[in-house]
Amino acid sequence: MPTQAAIAAIAPSSSASVAKVASSTASGVDAATGLSQTAPSLDLASLVKPFTADALANGFATLIGALVGAMLAYALQRRFQRSQELKSELVSAHRLMFALLQQINTIVLIQRDYVFAELKNPARFLSIPATPAFDTQKNVLELPELGFLLASKDGRAILYDFYMAQENYIEALNQWNLRSALHLEKIQPAFAASGIPMGAMVSEQDLQRVFGAHVFGSIVNSTNNCVELLVRSFERLAAVKKKARPYLVQRFGTDDFTEFDFPETYGLTARKSEAAAA
């Protein structure tokens, strides 16, 4: 019987424990249910909170500030780049005027030193001396250096005229160099071997016999071509100079460009009467 009593005593205690466990379980279920019911509300609030009026205003202000900053940085960079381009174009414009000055001056010096005094001399093919070769690439400009002229119609016309004049200048020097080489290598040795004293009166037939018909014809034609090309080169270069400087002054808004003139041209402007004289 003591065993049954002990069991009986134990039974109520077990029942109470079960009841407590059940009660605890029920409370846990209710808490979980409540949490699950409030969770969506908390998530929605946390999602909506960043989109309040103040938050949106702050966001737009930040975005606009970043956009304005980027635009200002781009504008400053573009302004600096344009400033550098303008400086480069200005340097090229000065180089154009300097090249025109040097090329015209070269033509005038050749005319003054070697040609002018012999223009009316029928034997100028012999009396005009040979000279050291001129550098045909000195003071010559290439297209990339004058690319700024392509931006306008007037600029393109000046660029075209300049290159045509420059080609005539190069051709005039090439022809002069060829004539000098012919005079030095063929004419002078043949004349020295002929025994004809300097200053002696000789006929064209005598000179043909001395030089040979081919060499004689070559030196006469080469000399006439030189005289003609010097005149043509001067005319074209002077015309470009006359057009280029006013355009550059207007384009860059400054009068700080080389101004030059050649009041004495030594027959270069009297083309028909002097350049064609034989």
C-alpha atoms as a PDB file:
ATOM      1  CA  MET A   1       0.000   0.000   0.000  1.00  0.00           C
ATOM      2  CA  PRO A   2       2.781   2.494   0.618  1.00  0.00           C
ATOM      3  CA  THR A   3       3.636   2.168  -2.983  1.00  0.00           C
ATOM      4  CA  GLN A   4       0.155   3.198  -4.132  1.00  0.00           C
ATOM      5  CA  ALA A   5       0.249   6.231  -1.842  1.00  0.00           C
ATOM      6  CA  ALA A   6       3.510   7.304  -3.211  1.00  0.00           C
ATOM      7  CA  ILE A   7       2.153   7.009  -6.688  1.00  0.00           C
ATOM      8  CA  ALA A   8      -0.913   8.987  -5.698  1.00  0.00           C
ATOM      9  CA  ALA A   9       1.261  11.640  -4.194  1.00  0.00           C
ATOM     10  CA  ILE A  10       3.310  11.848  -7.276  1.00  0.00           C
ATOM     11  CA  ALA A  11       0.353  12.012  -9.657  1.00  0.00           C
ATOM     12  CA  PRO A  12      -0.999  15.395  -8.607  1.00  0.00           C
ATOM     13  CA  SER A  13       2.455  16.869  -8.847  1.00  0.00           C
ATOM     14  CA  SER A  14       2.837  15.565 -12.394  1.00  0.00           C
ATOM     15  CA  SER A  15      -0.517  17.003 -13.364  1.00  0.00           C
ATOM     16  CA  ALA A  16       0.476  20.410 -12.105  1.00  0.00           C
ATOM     17  CA  SER A  17       3.686  20.271 -14.089  1.00  0.00           C
ATOM     18  CA  VAL A  18       1.757  19.364 -17.207  1.00  0.00           C
ATOM     19  CA  ALA A  19      -0.585  22.252 -16.595  1.00  0.00           C
ATOM     20  CA  LYS A  20       2.314  24.650 -16.201  1.00  0.00           C
ATOM     21  CA  VAL A  21       3.915  23.378 -19.361  1.00  0.00           C
ATOM     22  CA  ALA A  22       0.665  23.748 -21.226  1.00  0.00           C
ATOM     23  CA  SER A  23       0.186  27.222 -19.886  1.00  0.00           C
ATOM     24  CA  SER A  24       3.717  28.125 -20.828  1.00  0.00           C
ATOM     25  CA  THR A  25       3.248  26.721 -24.295  1.00  0.00           C
ATOM     26  CA  ALA A  26       0.061  28.673 -24.768  1.00  0.00           C
ATOM     27  CA  SER A  27       1.753  31.875 -23.724  1.00  0.00           C
ATOM     28  CA  GLY A  28       4.562  31.186 -26.187  1.00  0.00           C
ATOM     29  CA  VAL A  29       2.067  30.620 -28.967  1.00  0.00           C
ATOM     30  CA  ASP A  30       0.252  33.843 -28.152  1.00  0.00           C
ATOM     31  CA  ALA A  31       3.527  35.781 -28.130  1.00  0.00           C
ATOM     32  CA  ALA A  32       4.600  34.304 -31.431  1.00  0.00           C
ATOM     33  CA  THR A  33       1.209  35.100 -32.902  1.00  0.00           C
ATOM     34  CA  GLY A  34       1.450  38.685 -31.702  1.00  0.00           C
ATOM     35  CA  LEU A  35       4.963  39.074 -33.097  1.00  0.00           C
ATOM     36  CA  SER A  36       3.904  37.681 -36.424  1.00  0.00           C
ATOM     37  CA  GLN A  37       1.007  40.144 -36.521  1.00  0.00           C
ATOM     38  CA  THR A  38       3.145  43.215 -35.747  1.00  0.00           C
ATOM     39  CA  ALA A  39       6.133  42.281 -38.005  1.00  0.00           C
ATOM     40  CA  PRO A  40       4.562  43.455 -41.293  1.00  0.00           C
ATOM     41  CA  SER A  41       3.641  46.752 -39.693  1.00  0.00           C
ATOM     42  CA  LEU A  42       7.218  47.290 -38.539  1.00  0.00           C
ATOM     43  CA  ASP A  43       8.673  46.380 -41.960  1.00  0.00           C
ATOM     44  CA  LEU A  44       6.316  48.762 -43.792  1.00  0.00           C
ATOM     45  CA  ALA A  45       7.170  51.605 -41.455  1.00  0.00           C
ATOM     46  CA  SER A  46      10.867  51.026 -41.919  1.00  0.00           C
ATOM     47  CA  LEU A  47      10.388  51.021 -45.707  1.00  0.00           C
ATOM     48  CA  VAL A  48       8.254  54.144 -45.765  1.00  0.00           C
ATOM     49  CA  LYS A  49      10.379  56.116 -43.315  1.00  0.00           C
ATOM     50  CA  PRO A  50      13.184  57.022 -45.858  1.00  0.00           C
ATOM     51  CA  PHE A  51      10.585  58.503 -48.245  1.00  0.00           C
ATOM     52  CA  THR A  52       9.342  61.253 -46.017  1.00  0.00           C
ATOM     53  CA  ALA A  53       9.198  64.777 -47.373  1.00  0.00           C
ATOM     54  CA  ASP A  54      12.382  65.819 -45.599  1.00  0.00           C
ATOM     55  CA  ALA A  55      14.260  62.741 -46.718  1.00  0.00           C
ATOM     56  CA  LEU A  56      13.156  63.207 -50.327  1.00  0.00           C
ATOM     57  CA  ALA A  57      14.127  66.877 -50.228  1.00  0.00           C
ATOM     58  CA  ASN A  58      17.560  66.005 -48.871  1.00  0.00           C
ATOM     59  CA  GLY A  59      18.003  63.329 -51.517  1.00  0.00           C
ATOM     60  CA  PHE A  60      17.073  65.637 -54.383  1.00  0.00           C
ATOM     61  CA  ALA A  61      19.315  68.366 -52.999  1.00  0.00           C
ATOM     62  CA  THR A  62      22.240  65.957 -52.899  1.00  0.00           C
ATOM     63  CA  LEU A  63      21.515  64.736 -56.417  1.00  0.00           C
ATOM     64  CA  ILE A  64      21.162  68.259 -57.826  1.00  0.00           C
ATOM     65  CA  GLY A  65      24.295  69.371 -56.008  1.00  0.00           C
ATOM     66  CA  ALA A  66      26.276  66.502 -57.518  1.00  0.00           C
ATOM     67  CA  LEU A  67      24.860  67.264 -60.983  1.00  0.00           C
ATOM     68  CA  VAL A  68      25.658  70.986 -60.727  1.00  0.00           C
ATOM     69  CA  GLY A  69      29.140  70.172 -59.478  1.00  0.00           C
ATOM     70  CA  ALA A  70      29.755  67.843 -62.411  1.00  0.00           C
ATOM     71  CA  MET A  71      28.459  70.452 -64.873  1.00  0.00           C
ATOM     72  CA  LEU A  72      30.683  73.166 -63.391  1.00  0.00           C
ATOM     73  CA  ALA A  73      33.702  70.861 -63.511  1.00  0.00           C
ATOM     74  CA  TYR A  74      32.982  70.058 -67.155  1.00  0.00           C
ATOM     75  CA  ALA A  75      32.477  73.731 -68.011  1.00  0.00           C
ATOM     76  CA  LEU A  76      35.752  74.700 -66.344  1.00  0.00           C
ATOM     77  CA  GLN A  77      37.589  71.856 -68.067  1.00  0.00           C
ATOM     78  CA  ARG A  78      36.106  72.803 -71.438  1.00  0.00           C
ATOM     79  CA  ARG A  79      36.975  76.455 -70.860  1.00  0.00           C
ATOM     80  CA  PHE A  80      40.551  75.545 -70.022  1.00  0.00           C
ATOM     81  CA  GLN A  81      40.776  73.271 -73.052  1.00  0.00           C
ATOM     82  CA  ARG A  82      39.400  76.005 -75.326  1.00  0.00           C
ATOM     83  CA  SER A  83      41.882  78.471 -73.844  1.00  0.00           C
ATOM     84  CA  GLN A  84      44.739  76.101 -74.701  1.00  0.00           C
ATOM     85  CA  GLU A  85      43.353  75.575 -78.215  1.00  0.00           C
ATOM     86  CA  LEU A  86      43.123  79.342 -78.720  1.00  0.00           C
ATOM     87  CA  LYS A  87      46.742  79.796 -77.639  1.00  0.00           C
ATOM     88  CA  SER A  88      47.826  77.069 -80.061  1.00  0.00           C
ATOM     89  CA  GLU A  89      45.835  78.647 -82.895  1.00  0.00           C
ATOM     90  CA  LEU A  90      47.343  82.052 -82.126  1.00  0.00           C
ATOM     91  CA  VAL A  91      50.854  80.603 -82.282  1.00  0.00           C
ATOM     92  CA  SER A  92      50.016  78.998 -85.644  1.00  0.00           C
ATOM     93  CA  ALA A  93      48.682  82.322 -86.927  1.00  0.00           C
ATOM     94  CA  HIS A  94      51.939  84.038 -86.001  1.00  0.00           C
ATOM     95  CA  ARG A  95      53.860  81.191 -87.663  1.00  0.00           C
ATOM     96  CA  LEU A  96      51.863  81.759 -90.849  1.00  0.00           C
ATOM     97  CA  MET A  97      52.816  85.432 -90.968  1.00  0.00           C
ATOM     98  CA  PHE A  98      56.434  84.611 -90.140  1.00  0.00           C
ATOM     99  CA  ALA A  99      56.566  81.955 -92.886  1.00  0.00           C
ATOM    100  CA  LEU A 100      55.179  84.448 -95.411  1.00  0.00           C
ATOM    101  CA  LEU A 101      57.781  87.001 -94.341  1.00  0.00           C
ATOM    102  CA  GLN A 102      60.643  84.513 -94.671  1.00  0.00           C
ATOM    103  CA  GLN A 103      59.514  83.074 -97.992  1.00  0.00           C
ATOM    104  CA  ILE A 104      58.951  86.486 -99.583  1.00  0.00           C
ATOM    105  CA  ASN A 105      62.244  87.726 -98.185  1.00  0.00           C
ATOM    106  CA  THR A 106      64.084  84.742 -99.692  1.00  0.00           C
ATOM    107  CA  ILE A 107      62.619  85.448-103.127  1.00  0.00           C
ATOM    108  CA  VAL A 108      63.469  89.160-102.893  1.00  0.00           C
ATOM    109  CA  LEU A 109      67.059  88.442-101.809  1.00  0.00           C
ATOM    110  CA  ILE A 110      67.646  86.070-104.729  1.00  0.00           C
ATOM    111  CA  GLN A 111      66.195  88.621-107.098  1.00  0.00           C
ATOM    112  CA  ARG A 112      68.233  91.465-105.612  1.00  0.00           C
ATOM    113  CA  ASP A 113      71.580  89.694-105.315  1.00  0.00           C
ATOM    114  CA  TYR A 114      71.690  87.607-108.482  1.00  0.00           C
ATOM    115  CA  VAL A 115      68.962  88.427-110.990  1.00  0.00           C
ATOM    116  CA  PHE A 116      68.008  92.097-111.035  1.00  0.00           C
ATOM    117  CA  ALA A 117      71.233  93.456-112.494  1.00  0.00           C
ATOM    118  CA  GLU A 118      71.094  90.891-115.337  1.00  0.00           C
ATOM    119  CA  LEU A 119      67.426  91.135-116.275  1.00  0.00           C
ATOM    120  CA  LYS A 120      68.092  93.041-119.487  1.00  0.00           C
ATOM    121  CA  ASN A 121      71.263  91.108-120.344  1.00  0.00           C
ATOM    122  CA  PRO A 122      70.744  88.739-123.328  1.00  0.00           C
ATOM    123  CA  ALA A 123      73.484  86.538-121.905  1.00  0.00           C
ATOM    124  CA  ARG A 124      71.935  86.323-118.423  1.00  0.00           C
ATOM    125  CA  PHE A 125      71.910  82.536-118.683  1.00  0.00           C
ATOM    126  CA  LEU A 126      75.691  82.837-118.416  1.00  0.00           C
ATOM    127  CA  SER A 127      76.126  85.945-116.266  1.00  0.00           C
ATOM    128  CA  ILE A 128      73.730  84.970-113.462  1.00  0.00           C
ATOM    129  CA  PRO A 129      76.015  82.926-111.205  1.00  0.00           C
ATOM    130  CA  ALA A 130      75.490  79.574-109.547  1.00  0.00           C
ATOM    131  CA  THR A 131      74.770  79.625-105.804  1.00  0.00           C
ATOM    132  CA  PRO A 132      74.773  77.099-102.988  1.00  0.00           C
ATOM    133  CA  ALA A 133      71.533  75.136-102.875  1.00  0.00           C
ATOM    134  CA  PHE A 134      68.658  76.701-100.966  1.00  0.00           C
ATOM    135  CA  ASP A 135      66.787  74.600 -98.401  1.00  0.00           C
ATOM    136  CA  THR A 136      63.343  74.102 -99.922  1.00  0.00           C
ATOM    137  CA  GLN A 137      61.822  72.932 -96.628  1.00  0.00           C
ATOM    138  CA  LYS A 138      62.982  75.854 -94.518  1.00  0.00           C
ATOM    139  CA  ASN A 139      60.104  78.066 -93.317  1.00  0.00           C
ATOM    140  CA  VAL A 140      57.571  75.744 -94.944  1.00  0.00           C
ATOM    141  CA  LEU A 141      54.328  75.031 -93.058  1.00  0.00           C
ATOM    142  CA  GLU A 142      52.270  71.824 -93.157  1.00  0.00           C
ATOM    143  CA  LEU A 143      48.479  71.449 -92.939  1.00  0.00           C
ATOM    144  CA  PRO A 144      48.266  70.390 -89.241  1.00  0.00           C
ATOM    145  CA  GLU A 145      49.914  73.665 -88.258  1.00  0.00           C
ATOM    146  CA  LEU A 146      47.191  75.676 -90.008  1.00  0.00           C
ATOM    147  CA  GLY A 147      44.174  73.511 -89.244  1.00  0.00           C
ATOM    148  CA  PHE A 148      42.402  76.408 -87.500  1.00  0.00           C
ATOM    149  CA  LEU A 149      41.879  78.020 -90.922  1.00  0.00           C
ATOM    150  CA  LEU A 150      39.489  75.207 -91.842  1.00  0.00           C
ATOM    151  CA  ALA A 151      36.882  76.549 -89.397  1.00  0.00           C
ATOM    152  CA  SER A 152      35.563  79.232 -91.758  1.00  0.00           C
ATOM    153  CA  LYS A 153      35.058  79.818 -95.474  1.00  0.00           C
ATOM    154  CA  ASP A 154      37.428  82.789 -95.552  1.00  0.00           C
ATOM    155  CA  GLY A 155      40.019  80.807 -93.610  1.00  0.00           C
ATOM    156  CA  ARG A 156      39.809  77.892 -96.029  1.00  0.00           C
ATOM    157  CA  ALA A 157      40.286  80.287 -98.975  1.00  0.00           C
ATOM    158  CA  ILE A 158      43.420  81.696 -97.332  1.00  0.00           C
ATOM    159  CA  LEU A 159      44.700  78.195 -96.598  1.00  0.00           C
ATOM    160  CA  TYR A 160      44.217  77.185-100.233  1.00  0.00           C
ATOM    161  CA  ASP A 161      45.923  80.333-101.539  1.00  0.00           C
ATOM    162  CA  PHE A 162      48.803  79.919 -99.107  1.00  0.00           C
ATOM    163  CA  TYR A 163      49.490  76.350-100.154  1.00  0.00           C
ATOM    164  CA  MET A 164      49.396  77.250-103.827  1.00  0.00           C
ATOM    165  CA  ALA A 165      51.803  80.126-103.161  1.00  0.00           C
ATOM    166  CA  GLN A 166      54.016  77.901-101.030  1.00  0.00           C
ATOM    167  CA  GLU A 167      54.161  75.277-103.764  1.00  0.00           C
ATOM    168  CA  ASN A 168      55.251  77.993-106.205  1.00  0.00           C
ATOM    169  CA  TYR A 169      57.893  79.085-103.700  1.00  0.00           C
ATOM    170  CA  ILE A 170      59.239  75.533-103.363  1.00  0.00           C
ATOM    171  CA  GLU A 171      59.230  75.075-107.126  1.00  0.00           C
ATOM    172  CA  ALA A 172      61.078  78.386-107.625  1.00  0.00           C
ATOM    173  CA  LEU A 173      63.822  77.266-105.222  1.00  0.00           C
ATOM    174  CA  ASN A 174      63.986  73.809-106.818  1.00  0.00           C
ATOM    175  CA  GLN A 175      64.378  75.343-110.253  1.00  0.00           C
ATOM    176  CA  TRP A 176      67.008  77.739-108.950  1.00  0.00           C
ATOM    177  CA  ASN A 177      68.950  74.867-107.375  1.00  0.00           C
ATOM    178  CA  LEU A 178      68.792  72.849-110.599  1.00  0.00           C
ATOM    179  CA  ARG A 179      70.044  75.797-112.638  1.00  0.00           C
ATOM    180  CA  SER A 180      72.874  76.436-110.168  1.00  0.00           C
ATOM    181  CA  ALA A 181      73.933  72.782-110.377  1.00  0.00           C
ATOM    182  CA  LEU A 182      73.856  72.881-114.190  1.00  0.00           C
ATOM    183  CA  HIS A 183      75.815  76.140-114.264  1.00  0.00           C
ATOM    184  CA  LEU A 184      78.397  74.850-111.792  1.00  0.00           C
ATOM    185  CA  GLU A 185      78.858  71.357-113.220  1.00  0.00           C
ATOM    186  CA  LYS A 186      78.476  71.948-116.968  1.00  0.00           C
ATOM    187  CA  ILE A 187      78.682  75.607-117.951  1.00  0.00           C
ATOM    188  CA  GLN A 188      81.648  76.748-115.889  1.00  0.00           C
ATOM    189  CA  PRO A 189      83.960  73.818-116.782  1.00  0.00           C
ATOM    190  CA  ALA A 190      83.072  74.056-120.488  1.00  0.00           C
ATOM    191  CA  PHE A 191      83.553  77.808-120.554  1.00  0.00           C
ATOM    192  CA  ALA A 192      86.873  77.551-118.714  1.00  0.00           C
ATOM    193  CA  ALA A 193      88.075  74.916-121.198  1.00  0.00           C
ATOM    194  CA  SER A 194      87.032  77.008-124.198  1.00  0.00           C
ATOM    195  CA  GLY A 195      89.725  79.596-123.638  1.00  0.00           C
ATOM    196  CA  ILE A 196      87.277  82.479-124.160  1.00  0.00           C
ATOM    197  CA  PRO A 197      88.336  85.353-121.903  1.00  0.00           C
ATOM    198  CA  MET A 198      85.796  86.785-119.474  1.00  0.00           C
ATOM    199  CA  GLY A 199      84.043  89.819-120.962  1.00  0.00           C
ATOM    200  CA  ALA A 200      84.847  88.878-124.532  1.00  0.00           C
ATOM    201  CA  MET A 201      82.174  89.316-127.190  1.00  0.00           C
ATOM    202  CA  VAL A 202      80.909  85.933-128.370  1.00  0.00           C
ATOM    203  CA  SER A 203      78.007  84.895-130.538  1.00  0.00           C
ATOM    204  CA  GLU A 204      75.265  82.443-129.695  1.00  0.00           C
ATOM    205  CA  GLN A 205      76.714  80.020-132.239  1.00  0.00           C
ATOM    206  CA  ASP A 206      80.074  80.163-130.480  1.00  0.00           C
ATOM    207  CA  LEU A 207      78.453  79.348-127.131  1.00  0.00           C
ATOM    208  CA  GLN A 208      76.494  76.471-128.645  1.00  0.00           C
ATOM    209  CA  ARG A 209      79.749  75.016-129.919  1.00  0.00           C
ATOM    210  CA  VAL A 210      81.361  75.451-126.508  1.00  0.00           C
ATOM    211  CA  PHE A 211      78.548  73.995-124.419  1.00  0.00           C
ATOM    212  CA  GLY A 212      76.867  71.739-126.936  1.00  0.00           C
ATOM    213  CA  ALA A 213      73.363  72.337-128.238  1.00  0.00           C
ATOM    214  CA  HIS A 214      71.666  70.350-125.478  1.00  0.00           C
ATOM    215  CA  VAL A 215      73.451  71.976-122.543  1.00  0.00           C
ATOM    216  CA  PHE A 216      73.138  75.419-124.124  1.00  0.00           C
ATOM    217  CA  GLY A 217      69.376  75.018-124.574  1.00  0.00           C
ATOM    218  CA  SER A 218      69.039  73.654-121.019  1.00  0.00           C
ATOM    219  CA  ILE A 219      70.826  76.583-119.358  1.00  0.00           C
ATOM    220  CA  VAL A 220      68.863  79.156-121.383  1.00  0.00           C
ATOM    221  CA  ASN A 221      65.497  77.551-120.574  1.00  0.00           C
ATOM    222  CA  SER A 222      66.415  76.952-116.939  1.00  0.00           C
ATOM    223  CA  THR A 223      67.448  80.592-116.472  1.00  0.00           C
ATOM    224  CA  ASN A 224      64.235  81.892-118.040  1.00  0.00           C
ATOM    225  CA  ASN A 225      62.194  79.551-115.884  1.00  0.00           C
ATOM    226  CA  CYS A 226      63.960  80.775-112.745  1.00  0.00           C
ATOM    227  CA  VAL A 227      63.203  84.400-113.547  1.00  0.00           C
ATOM    228  CA  GLU A 228      59.564  83.587-114.274  1.00  0.00           C
ATOM    229  CA  LEU A 229      59.070  81.450-111.165  1.00  0.00           C
ATOM    230  CA  LEU A 230      60.626  84.048-108.872  1.00  0.00           C
ATOM    231  CA  VAL A 231      58.144  86.631-110.121  1.00  0.00           C
ATOM    232  CA  ARG A 232      55.170  84.257-109.872  1.00  0.00           C
ATOM    233  CA  SER A 233      56.149  83.112-106.387  1.00  0.00           C
ATOM    234  CA  PHE A 234      56.477  86.695-105.158  1.00  0.00           C
ATOM    235  CA  GLU A 235      53.109  87.667-106.599  1.00  0.00           C
ATOM    236  CA  ARG A 236      51.274  84.768-104.962  1.00  0.00           C
ATOM    237  CA  LEU A 237      52.960  85.098-101.590  1.00  0.00           C
ATOM    238  CA  ALA A 238      52.341  88.848-101.497  1.00  0.00           C
ATOM    239  CA  ALA A 239      48.661  88.290-102.345  1.00  0.00           C
ATOM    240  CA  VAL A 240      48.275  85.791 -99.491  1.00  0.00           C
ATOM    241  CA  LYS A 241      49.979  88.156 -97.052  1.00  0.00           C
ATOM    242  CA  LYS A 242      47.585  90.926 -98.101  1.00  0.00           C
ATOM    243  CA  LYS A 243      44.561  88.701 -97.350  1.00  0.00           C
ATOM    244  CA  ALA A 244      45.846  86.776 -94.349  1.00  0.00           C
ATOM    245  CA  ARG A 245      46.758  89.559 -91.950  1.00  0.00           C
ATOM    246  CA  PRO A 246      43.351  91.353 -91.932  1.00  0.00           C
ATOM    247  CA  TYR A 247      41.638  87.999 -91.476  1.00  0.00           C
ATOM    248  CA  LEU A 248      43.859  87.071 -88.519  1.00  0.00           C
ATOM    249  CA  VAL A 249      43.384  90.480 -86.883  1.00  0.00           C
ATOM    250  CA  GLN A 250      39.611  90.065 -87.094  1.00  0.00           C
ATOM    251  CA  ARG A 251      39.667  86.404 -86.095  1.00  0.00           C
ATOM    252  CA  PHE A 252      41.763  86.843 -82.947  1.00  0.00           C
ATOM    253  CA  GLY A 253      40.829  90.410 -82.097  1.00  0.00           C
ATOM    254  CA  THR A 254      44.408  91.652 -81.935  1.00  0.00           C
ATOM    255  CA  ASP A 255      46.650  93.695 -84.184  1.00  0.00           C
ATOM    256  CA  ASP A 256      49.758  91.980 -82.830  1.00  0.00           C
ATOM    257  CA  PHE A 257      50.693  90.290 -86.084  1.00  0.00           C
ATOM    258  CA  THR A 258      53.820  90.909 -88.126  1.00  0.00           C
ATOM    259  CA  GLU A 259      53.303  93.736 -90.566  1.00  0.00           C
ATOM    260  CA  PHE A 260      55.819  93.999 -93.360  1.00  0.00           C
ATOM    261  CA  ASP A 261      56.182  95.339 -96.839  1.00  0.00           C
ATOM    262  CA  PHE A 262      58.800  95.420 -99.572  1.00  0.00           C
ATOM    263  CA  PRO A 263      58.832  98.851-101.177  1.00  0.00           C
ATOM    264  CA  GLU A 264      61.677  97.753-103.444  1.00  0.00           C
ATOM    265  CA  THR A 265      60.992  94.497-105.247  1.00  0.00           C
ATOM    266  CA  TYR A 266      63.817  94.668-107.819  1.00  0.00           C
ATOM    267  CA  GLY A 267      61.659  93.986-110.821  1.00  0.00           C
ATOM    268  CA  LEU A 268      59.484  91.276-109.246  1.00  0.00           C
ATOM    269  CA  THR A 269      56.330  93.309-109.759  1.00  0.00           C
ATOM    270  CA  ALA A 270      57.079  94.187-113.402  1.00  0.00           C
ATOM    271  CA  ARG A 271      56.421  90.685-114.635  1.00  0.00           C
ATOM    272  CA  LYS A 272      55.658  91.091-118.306  1.00  0.00           C
ATOM    273  CA  SER A 273      58.344  93.583-119.184  1.00  0.00           C
ATOM    274  CA  GLU A 274      61.238  92.174-117.195  1.00  0.00           C
ATOM    275  CA  ALA A 275      60.603  88.527-116.366  1.00  0.00           C
ATOM    276  CA  ALA A 276      59.960  87.654-119.993  1.00  0.00           C
ATOM    277  CA  ALA A 277      62.944  89.557-121.362  1.00  0.00           C
ATOM    278  CA  ALA A 278      65.447  87.270-122.975  1.00  0.00           C
END
